[in-house]
Amino acid sequence: MNADLFRYHAAKNHDNQKSIAAFLGKCCTSISYKLSGKRGDFSRGDIAKLKARWKLTPQDIDAIFFSEDTIK
């Protein structure tokens, strides 16, 4: 997970952790943990929702959610 790139796309689309959490039906702490890599990853459903909201390309999705450090 590339948290910096996630935050870039969030800011570009006028989102923050609170608005993303509300949109995905999660608490802010859950989003924070996912971004820091402490607990779990974003689900396929969450990624699909963010893809539509932020108009992400398949390359964007790979770069954000499937960065090299995530694949082991």
N, C-alpha and C. Protein backbone atom coordinates (compact mmCIF):
# COMPACT_ATOMS: atom_id res chain seq x y z
N MET A 1 0.85 -1.18 0.00
CA MET A 1 0.00 0.00 0.00
C MET A 1 0.89 1.24 0.00
N ASN A 2 0.62 2.10 -0.93
CA ASN A 2 1.36 3.35 -1.01
C ASN A 2 0.47 4.44 -0.39
N ALA A 3 0.66 4.68 0.91
CA ALA A 3 -0.18 5.62 1.65
C ALA A 3 -0.03 7.05 1.14
N ASP A 4 1.17 7.43 0.72
CA ASP A 4 1.38 8.78 0.21
C ASP A 4 0.58 9.01 -1.07
N LEU A 5 0.58 8.03 -1.95
CA LEU A 5 -0.18 8.14 -3.19
C LEU A 5 -1.69 8.12 -2.90
N PHE A 6 -2.11 7.33 -1.92
CA PHE A 6 -3.51 7.32 -1.49
C PHE A 6 -3.91 8.72 -1.03
N ARG A 7 -3.08 9.31 -0.18
CA ARG A 7 -3.38 10.66 0.34
C ARG A 7 -3.38 11.70 -0.78
N TYR A 8 -2.49 11.53 -1.75
CA TYR A 8 -2.46 12.44 -2.90
C TYR A 8 -3.80 12.42 -3.63
N HIS A 9 -4.28 11.22 -3.95
CA HIS A 9 -5.55 11.10 -4.68
C HIS A 9 -6.72 11.58 -3.82
N ALA A 10 -6.65 11.35 -2.53
CA ALA A 10 -7.69 11.84 -1.63
C ALA A 10 -7.73 13.37 -1.68
N ALA A 11 -6.59 14.00 -1.51
CA ALA A 11 -6.53 15.47 -1.51
C ALA A 11 -6.95 16.03 -2.87
N LYS A 12 -6.51 15.39 -3.92
CA LYS A 12 -6.86 15.82 -5.28
C LYS A 12 -8.38 15.82 -5.48
N ASN A 13 -9.06 14.93 -4.78
CA ASN A 13 -10.51 14.80 -4.90
C ASN A 13 -11.24 15.39 -3.70
N HIS A 14 -10.56 16.27 -2.98
CA HIS A 14 -11.15 16.99 -1.84
C HIS A 14 -11.66 16.05 -0.75
N ASP A 15 -10.95 14.96 -0.53
CA ASP A 15 -11.29 14.01 0.52
C ASP A 15 -10.23 14.05 1.61
N ASN A 16 -10.62 13.59 2.79
CA ASN A 16 -9.69 13.39 3.90
C ASN A 16 -10.09 12.08 4.57
N GLN A 17 -9.38 11.69 5.60
CA GLN A 17 -9.67 10.40 6.24
C GLN A 17 -11.11 10.33 6.75
N LYS A 18 -11.60 11.44 7.27
CA LYS A 18 -12.96 11.46 7.81
C LYS A 18 -14.00 11.27 6.70
N SER A 19 -13.84 11.97 5.58
CA SER A 19 -14.81 11.83 4.49
C SER A 19 -14.72 10.45 3.82
N ILE A 20 -13.51 9.91 3.74
CA ILE A 20 -13.33 8.58 3.17
C ILE A 20 -13.98 7.54 4.08
N ALA A 21 -13.76 7.67 5.38
CA ALA A 21 -14.36 6.74 6.35
C ALA A 21 -15.87 6.77 6.25
N ALA A 22 -16.45 7.96 6.19
CA ALA A 22 -17.90 8.08 6.08
C ALA A 22 -18.40 7.45 4.78
N PHE A 23 -17.70 7.71 3.68
CA PHE A 23 -18.08 7.18 2.38
C PHE A 23 -18.05 5.65 2.37
N LEU A 24 -17.03 5.07 3.02
CA LEU A 24 -16.89 3.62 3.03
C LEU A 24 -17.65 2.95 4.18
N GLY A 25 -18.25 3.76 5.05
CA GLY A 25 -19.00 3.21 6.18
C GLY A 25 -18.09 2.61 7.25
N LYS A 26 -16.95 3.23 7.44
CA LYS A 26 -15.98 2.76 8.43
C LYS A 26 -15.65 3.90 9.39
N CYS A 27 -14.96 3.58 10.46
CA CYS A 27 -14.54 4.64 11.38
C CYS A 27 -13.18 5.18 10.93
N CYS A 28 -12.87 6.40 11.35
CA CYS A 28 -11.61 7.04 10.97
C CYS A 28 -10.40 6.23 11.41
N THR A 29 -10.50 5.62 12.58
CA THR A 29 -9.40 4.82 13.10
C THR A 29 -9.09 3.65 12.17
N SER A 30 -10.13 3.04 11.63
CA SER A 30 -9.95 1.93 10.69
C SER A 30 -9.18 2.37 9.45
N ILE A 31 -9.52 3.52 8.92
CA ILE A 31 -8.81 4.04 7.74
C ILE A 31 -7.36 4.34 8.10
N SER A 32 -7.14 4.94 9.25
CA SER A 32 -5.79 5.26 9.70
C SER A 32 -4.94 3.99 9.83
N TYR A 33 -5.51 2.95 10.42
CA TYR A 33 -4.78 1.68 10.57
C TYR A 33 -4.45 1.08 9.20
N LYS A 34 -5.38 1.14 8.27
CA LYS A 34 -5.13 0.59 6.94
C LYS A 34 -4.00 1.35 6.24
N LEU A 35 -4.01 2.67 6.38
CA LEU A 35 -2.97 3.48 5.74
C LEU A 35 -1.60 3.25 6.36
N SER A 36 -1.57 2.99 7.65
CA SER A 36 -0.28 2.78 8.32
C SER A 36 0.20 1.34 8.20
N GLY A 37 -0.68 0.46 7.70
CA GLY A 37 -0.32 -0.95 7.56
C GLY A 37 -0.40 -1.73 8.85
N LYS A 38 -1.01 -1.14 9.89
CA LYS A 38 -1.10 -1.81 11.18
C LYS A 38 -2.15 -2.91 11.21
N ARG A 39 -3.25 -2.69 10.52
CA ARG A 39 -4.33 -3.68 10.55
C ARG A 39 -5.01 -3.78 9.19
N GLY A 40 -4.78 -4.86 8.52
CA GLY A 40 -5.53 -5.18 7.32
C GLY A 40 -5.30 -4.26 6.14
N ASP A 41 -6.01 -4.58 5.09
CA ASP A 41 -5.94 -3.85 3.83
C ASP A 41 -7.34 -3.42 3.45
N PHE A 42 -7.43 -2.58 2.46
CA PHE A 42 -8.73 -2.21 1.94
C PHE A 42 -9.33 -3.40 1.20
N SER A 43 -10.62 -3.60 1.37
CA SER A 43 -11.30 -4.72 0.71
C SER A 43 -11.48 -4.42 -0.78
N ARG A 44 -11.80 -5.46 -1.52
CA ARG A 44 -12.06 -5.28 -2.96
C ARG A 44 -13.21 -4.30 -3.16
N GLY A 45 -14.22 -4.40 -2.30
CA GLY A 45 -15.36 -3.49 -2.39
C GLY A 45 -14.97 -2.05 -2.13
N ASP A 46 -14.12 -1.84 -1.11
CA ASP A 46 -13.64 -0.49 -0.80
C ASP A 46 -12.84 0.09 -1.97
N ILE A 47 -11.99 -0.72 -2.54
CA ILE A 47 -11.17 -0.28 -3.68
C ILE A 47 -12.07 0.07 -4.86
N ALA A 48 -13.09 -0.74 -5.11
CA ALA A 48 -14.02 -0.46 -6.21
C ALA A 48 -14.76 0.86 -5.99
N LYS A 49 -15.17 1.11 -4.76
CA LYS A 49 -15.87 2.36 -4.45
C LYS A 49 -14.95 3.57 -4.65
N LEU A 50 -13.71 3.45 -4.19
CA LEU A 50 -12.76 4.55 -4.36
C LEU A 50 -12.38 4.74 -5.82
N LYS A 51 -12.31 3.65 -6.56
CA LYS A 51 -12.03 3.73 -8.00
C LYS A 51 -13.08 4.59 -8.69
N ALA A 52 -14.34 4.34 -8.38
CA ALA A 52 -15.42 5.12 -9.00
C ALA A 52 -15.41 6.57 -8.52
N ARG A 53 -15.23 6.76 -7.22
CA ARG A 53 -15.28 8.11 -6.64
C ARG A 53 -14.14 8.98 -7.17
N TRP A 54 -12.95 8.41 -7.26
CA TRP A 54 -11.77 9.18 -7.67
C TRP A 54 -11.42 9.01 -9.14
N LYS A 55 -12.20 8.21 -9.87
CA LYS A 55 -11.95 7.95 -11.30
C LYS A 55 -10.52 7.44 -11.52
N LEU A 56 -10.18 6.40 -10.76
CA LEU A 56 -8.83 5.81 -10.84
C LEU A 56 -8.70 4.88 -12.03
N THR A 57 -7.53 4.87 -12.62
CA THR A 57 -7.21 3.93 -13.69
C THR A 57 -6.73 2.63 -13.05
N PRO A 58 -6.69 1.55 -13.82
CA PRO A 58 -6.11 0.31 -13.29
C PRO A 58 -4.66 0.51 -12.82
N GLN A 59 -3.92 1.36 -13.51
CA GLN A 59 -2.54 1.64 -13.11
C GLN A 59 -2.50 2.37 -11.77
N ASP A 60 -3.43 3.31 -11.57
CA ASP A 60 -3.52 4.01 -10.28
C ASP A 60 -3.79 3.02 -9.16
N ILE A 61 -4.74 2.13 -9.38
CA ILE A 61 -5.12 1.15 -8.36
C ILE A 61 -3.93 0.27 -8.00
N ASP A 62 -3.22 -0.21 -9.01
CA ASP A 62 -2.03 -1.03 -8.76
C ASP A 62 -1.00 -0.25 -7.96
N ALA A 63 -0.76 1.00 -8.35
CA ALA A 63 0.26 1.81 -7.68
C ALA A 63 -0.11 2.12 -6.23
N ILE A 64 -1.39 2.35 -5.97
CA ILE A 64 -1.82 2.69 -4.62
C ILE A 64 -1.92 1.46 -3.73
N PHE A 65 -2.67 0.48 -4.18
CA PHE A 65 -3.04 -0.64 -3.31
C PHE A 65 -2.16 -1.88 -3.45
N PHE A 66 -1.40 -1.98 -4.53
CA PHE A 66 -0.60 -3.19 -4.76
C PHE A 66 0.85 -2.83 -5.06
N SER A 67 1.40 -1.92 -4.28
CA SER A 67 2.80 -1.53 -4.48
C SER A 67 3.72 -2.71 -4.15
N GLU A 68 4.92 -2.62 -4.64
CA GLU A 68 5.88 -3.73 -4.51
C GLU A 68 6.08 -4.20 -3.08
N ASP A 69 6.05 -3.28 -2.12
CA ASP A 69 6.29 -3.68 -0.74
C ASP A 69 5.13 -4.48 -0.15
N THR A 70 3.97 -4.44 -0.83
CA THR A 70 2.81 -5.19 -0.36
C THR A 70 2.83 -6.63 -0.86
N ILE A 71 3.43 -6.83 -2.02
CA ILE A 71 3.46 -8.15 -2.64
C ILE A 71 4.66 -8.91 -2.11
N LYS A 72 4.39 -10.03 -1.45
CA LYS A 72 5.47 -10.80 -0.86
C LYS A 72 5.40 -12.23 -1.28
